[in-house]
C-alpha cells in the first residue's frame, strides 16, 4: 500500500485547515488494491483528497471500499463497517 496522504496535509494546515479536521482513510480501490487518502471534515461533509484523481468527492461517492480511518486524535485507526 502506498501511503502519501500523510504528506498532503501540511499545506492544508498552513492554509488554515484545522489538523483536527484531517483524517487518513485506508481503503481498497475498485481493483482491490490497498490505498490511503486524506479526508477533510467540512461543514459540507467529509471530502476525499486522492492522489489517483483530480476530483474532490464526498467519501461515500469516491468509489473506494473503506477499511479504516484515523481516530479524532490521529494516533490510531478505527475499522470502518
N, C-alpha and C. Protein backbone atom coordinates (compact mmCIF):
# COMPACT_ATOMS: atom_id res chain seq x y z
N UNK A 1 0.84 -1.17 0.00
CA UNK A 1 0.00 0.00 0.00
C UNK A 1 0.89 1.24 0.00
N UNK A 2 0.60 2.17 -0.86
CA UNK A 2 1.36 3.41 -0.93
C UNK A 2 0.68 4.44 -0.04
N UNK A 3 1.42 4.98 0.93
CA UNK A 3 0.85 5.98 1.83
C UNK A 3 1.47 7.32 1.51
N UNK A 4 0.73 8.16 0.81
CA UNK A 4 1.20 9.51 0.51
C UNK A 4 0.30 10.55 1.16
N UNK A 5 -0.84 10.14 1.69
CA UNK A 5 -1.80 11.08 2.26
C UNK A 5 -1.18 11.89 3.39
N UNK A 6 -0.30 11.30 4.18
CA UNK A 6 0.26 11.99 5.32
C UNK A 6 1.04 13.23 4.91
N UNK A 7 1.71 13.20 3.76
CA UNK A 7 2.47 14.35 3.30
C UNK A 7 1.58 15.46 2.76
N UNK A 8 0.35 15.14 2.37
CA UNK A 8 -0.54 16.10 1.75
C UNK A 8 -1.19 17.05 2.75
N UNK A 9 -1.20 16.71 4.02
CA UNK A 9 -1.93 17.54 4.97
C UNK A 9 -1.19 18.80 5.39
N UNK A 10 0.12 18.86 5.26
CA UNK A 10 0.88 20.02 5.74
C UNK A 10 0.48 21.32 5.05
N UNK A 11 0.36 21.38 3.72
CA UNK A 11 -0.08 22.63 3.10
C UNK A 11 -1.48 23.05 3.55
N UNK A 12 -2.35 22.11 3.81
CA UNK A 12 -3.70 22.44 4.27
C UNK A 12 -3.66 23.09 5.65
N UNK A 13 -2.85 22.55 6.54
CA UNK A 13 -2.72 23.12 7.88
C UNK A 13 -2.13 24.52 7.79
N UNK A 14 -1.12 24.70 6.95
CA UNK A 14 -0.51 26.03 6.77
C UNK A 14 -1.51 27.01 6.18
N UNK A 15 -2.49 26.51 5.42
CA UNK A 15 -3.52 27.36 4.81
C UNK A 15 -4.67 27.64 5.77
N UNK A 16 -4.64 27.06 6.97
CA UNK A 16 -5.64 27.36 7.97
C UNK A 16 -6.64 26.26 8.27
N UNK A 17 -6.51 25.09 7.63
CA UNK A 17 -7.40 23.97 7.94
C UNK A 17 -6.95 23.37 9.28
N UNK A 18 -7.89 23.19 10.17
CA UNK A 18 -7.56 22.63 11.48
C UNK A 18 -7.07 21.19 11.34
N UNK A 19 -6.00 20.87 12.02
CA UNK A 19 -5.48 19.50 11.98
C UNK A 19 -6.53 18.50 12.44
N UNK A 20 -7.41 18.91 13.34
CA UNK A 20 -8.45 18.01 13.84
C UNK A 20 -9.50 17.68 12.77
N UNK A 21 -9.50 18.43 11.67
CA UNK A 21 -10.45 18.17 10.57
C UNK A 21 -9.89 17.19 9.55
N UNK A 22 -8.66 16.75 9.75
CA UNK A 22 -8.00 15.88 8.78
C UNK A 22 -7.91 14.45 9.30
N UNK A 23 -8.20 13.51 8.43
CA UNK A 23 -8.11 12.08 8.75
C UNK A 23 -7.40 11.38 7.60
N UNK A 24 -6.77 10.27 7.90
CA UNK A 24 -6.25 9.40 6.85
C UNK A 24 -7.20 8.22 6.76
N UNK A 25 -7.66 7.96 5.55
CA UNK A 25 -8.55 6.84 5.32
C UNK A 25 -7.83 5.73 4.58
N UNK A 26 -8.03 4.51 5.01
CA UNK A 26 -7.47 3.34 4.32
C UNK A 26 -8.62 2.64 3.62
N UNK A 27 -8.40 2.32 2.35
CA UNK A 27 -9.48 1.77 1.54
C UNK A 27 -8.92 0.79 0.53
N UNK A 28 -9.83 0.19 -0.21
CA UNK A 28 -9.49 -0.66 -1.36
C UNK A 28 -10.06 0.02 -2.60
N UNK A 29 -9.27 0.03 -3.65
CA UNK A 29 -9.73 0.58 -4.92
C UNK A 29 -10.69 -0.41 -5.58
N UNK A 30 -11.27 0.00 -6.69
CA UNK A 30 -12.18 -0.90 -7.42
C UNK A 30 -11.48 -2.19 -7.83
N UNK A 31 -10.16 -2.10 -8.05
CA UNK A 31 -9.41 -3.30 -8.44
C UNK A 31 -8.92 -4.11 -7.23
N UNK A 32 -9.23 -3.64 -6.02
CA UNK A 32 -8.86 -4.37 -4.81
C UNK A 32 -7.53 -3.96 -4.21
N UNK A 33 -6.85 -2.99 -4.81
CA UNK A 33 -5.55 -2.55 -4.31
C UNK A 33 -5.73 -1.68 -3.07
N UNK A 34 -4.85 -1.87 -2.07
CA UNK A 34 -4.87 -1.03 -0.88
C UNK A 34 -4.48 0.39 -1.22
N UNK A 35 -5.14 1.36 -0.60
CA UNK A 35 -4.91 2.77 -0.94
C UNK A 35 -5.19 3.64 0.27
N UNK A 36 -4.37 4.66 0.48
CA UNK A 36 -4.58 5.63 1.56
C UNK A 36 -4.91 6.98 0.95
N UNK A 37 -5.85 7.68 1.57
CA UNK A 37 -6.26 9.01 1.10
C UNK A 37 -6.38 9.95 2.30
N UNK A 38 -6.42 11.23 2.01
CA UNK A 38 -6.65 12.23 3.03
C UNK A 38 -8.13 12.60 3.01
N UNK A 39 -8.76 12.64 4.17
CA UNK A 39 -10.16 13.01 4.29
C UNK A 39 -10.23 14.30 5.10
N UNK A 40 -10.96 15.28 4.56
CA UNK A 40 -11.12 16.57 5.22
C UNK A 40 -12.56 16.68 5.70
N UNK A 41 -12.75 16.87 6.98
CA UNK A 41 -14.09 17.05 7.55
C UNK A 41 -14.47 18.52 7.39
N UNK A 42 -15.57 18.78 6.68
CA UNK A 42 -16.04 20.14 6.44
C UNK A 42 -17.51 20.25 6.86
N UNK A 43 -18.03 21.45 6.83
CA UNK A 43 -19.45 21.65 7.12
C UNK A 43 -20.32 21.04 6.03
N UNK A 44 -19.73 20.76 4.87
CA UNK A 44 -20.44 20.12 3.76
C UNK A 44 -20.33 18.60 3.79
N UNK A 45 -19.60 18.06 4.76
CA UNK A 45 -19.38 16.63 4.87
C UNK A 45 -17.92 16.27 4.71
N UNK A 46 -17.62 14.99 4.77
CA UNK A 46 -16.24 14.51 4.65
C UNK A 46 -15.87 14.39 3.18
N UNK A 47 -14.78 15.07 2.80
CA UNK A 47 -14.33 15.09 1.41
C UNK A 47 -13.02 14.34 1.27
N UNK A 48 -12.87 13.60 0.17
CA UNK A 48 -11.69 12.77 -0.07
C UNK A 48 -10.73 13.48 -1.01
N UNK A 49 -9.49 13.62 -0.56
CA UNK A 49 -8.40 14.13 -1.40
C UNK A 49 -7.55 12.92 -1.76
N UNK A 50 -7.56 12.59 -3.04
CA UNK A 50 -6.96 11.33 -3.51
C UNK A 50 -5.97 11.62 -4.62
N UNK A 51 -4.74 11.15 -4.46
CA UNK A 51 -3.73 11.40 -5.48
C UNK A 51 -3.95 10.62 -6.76
N UNK A 52 -4.97 9.74 -6.79
CA UNK A 52 -5.26 8.98 -8.00
C UNK A 52 -6.31 9.67 -8.88
N UNK A 53 -6.84 10.81 -8.43
CA UNK A 53 -7.82 11.56 -9.21
C UNK A 53 -7.70 13.04 -8.90
N UNK A 54 -8.13 13.87 -9.84
CA UNK A 54 -8.11 15.31 -9.61
C UNK A 54 -9.42 15.79 -8.98
N UNK A 55 -10.39 14.90 -8.84
CA UNK A 55 -11.69 15.25 -8.26
C UNK A 55 -11.64 15.20 -6.74
N UNK A 56 -12.38 16.10 -6.12
CA UNK A 56 -12.59 16.07 -4.67
C UNK A 56 -14.03 15.64 -4.48
N UNK A 57 -14.21 14.49 -3.85
CA UNK A 57 -15.54 13.88 -3.76
C UNK A 57 -15.91 13.60 -2.31
N UNK A 58 -17.22 13.59 -2.02
CA UNK A 58 -17.66 13.11 -0.70
C UNK A 58 -17.20 11.66 -0.52
N UNK A 59 -16.89 11.28 0.71
CA UNK A 59 -16.33 9.94 0.97
C UNK A 59 -17.21 8.84 0.40
N UNK A 60 -18.53 9.02 0.45
CA UNK A 60 -19.43 7.95 0.00
C UNK A 60 -19.65 7.94 -1.51
N UNK A 61 -19.01 8.86 -2.23
CA UNK A 61 -19.09 8.88 -3.68
C UNK A 61 -17.72 8.65 -4.33
N UNK A 62 -16.76 8.26 -3.54
CA UNK A 62 -15.38 8.14 -4.02
C UNK A 62 -15.12 6.87 -4.82
N UNK A 63 -16.00 5.87 -4.69
CA UNK A 63 -15.77 4.60 -5.36
C UNK A 63 -14.80 3.69 -4.62
N UNK A 64 -14.39 4.11 -3.44
CA UNK A 64 -13.48 3.31 -2.63
C UNK A 64 -14.27 2.46 -1.64
N UNK A 65 -13.70 1.31 -1.29
CA UNK A 65 -14.28 0.43 -0.27
C UNK A 65 -13.48 0.66 1.01
N UNK A 66 -14.10 1.29 1.99
CA UNK A 66 -13.39 1.74 3.19
C UNK A 66 -13.03 0.60 4.13
N UNK A 67 -11.82 0.67 4.66
CA UNK A 67 -11.30 -0.33 5.60
C UNK A 67 -11.15 0.28 6.99
N UNK A 68 -10.49 1.44 7.08
CA UNK A 68 -10.24 2.08 8.37
C UNK A 68 -9.99 3.56 8.18
N UNK A 69 -10.12 4.30 9.28
CA UNK A 69 -9.87 5.73 9.27
C UNK A 69 -9.21 6.10 10.59
N UNK A 70 -8.34 7.10 10.55
CA UNK A 70 -7.72 7.53 11.80
C UNK A 70 -8.78 8.08 12.74
N UNK A 71 -8.55 7.91 14.02
CA UNK A 71 -9.45 8.42 15.04
C UNK A 71 -9.28 9.94 15.15
N UNK A 72 -10.13 10.59 15.91
CA UNK A 72 -10.09 12.05 16.01
C UNK A 72 -8.76 12.57 16.55
N UNK A 73 -8.06 11.77 17.35
CA UNK A 73 -6.75 12.23 17.84
C UNK A 73 -5.63 11.95 16.84
N UNK A 74 -5.95 11.22 15.76
CA UNK A 74 -4.98 10.97 14.70
C UNK A 74 -3.91 9.97 15.05
N UNK A 75 -4.03 9.30 16.20
CA UNK A 75 -2.95 8.42 16.64
C UNK A 75 -3.22 6.94 16.43
N UNK A 76 -4.43 6.61 16.03
CA UNK A 76 -4.75 5.21 15.79
C UNK A 76 -5.82 5.10 14.70
N UNK A 77 -6.03 3.89 14.23
CA UNK A 77 -7.02 3.64 13.19
C UNK A 77 -8.21 2.90 13.78
N UNK A 78 -9.38 3.21 13.25
CA UNK A 78 -10.61 2.53 13.65
C UNK A 78 -11.20 1.89 12.41
N UNK A 79 -11.62 0.64 12.53
CA UNK A 79 -12.23 -0.06 11.38
C UNK A 79 -13.52 0.63 10.97
N UNK A 80 -13.77 0.63 9.67
CA UNK A 80 -14.99 1.19 9.12
C UNK A 80 -15.88 0.02 8.72
N UNK A 81 -17.10 0.03 9.17
CA UNK A 81 -18.04 -1.05 8.84
C UNK A 81 -18.76 -0.74 7.56
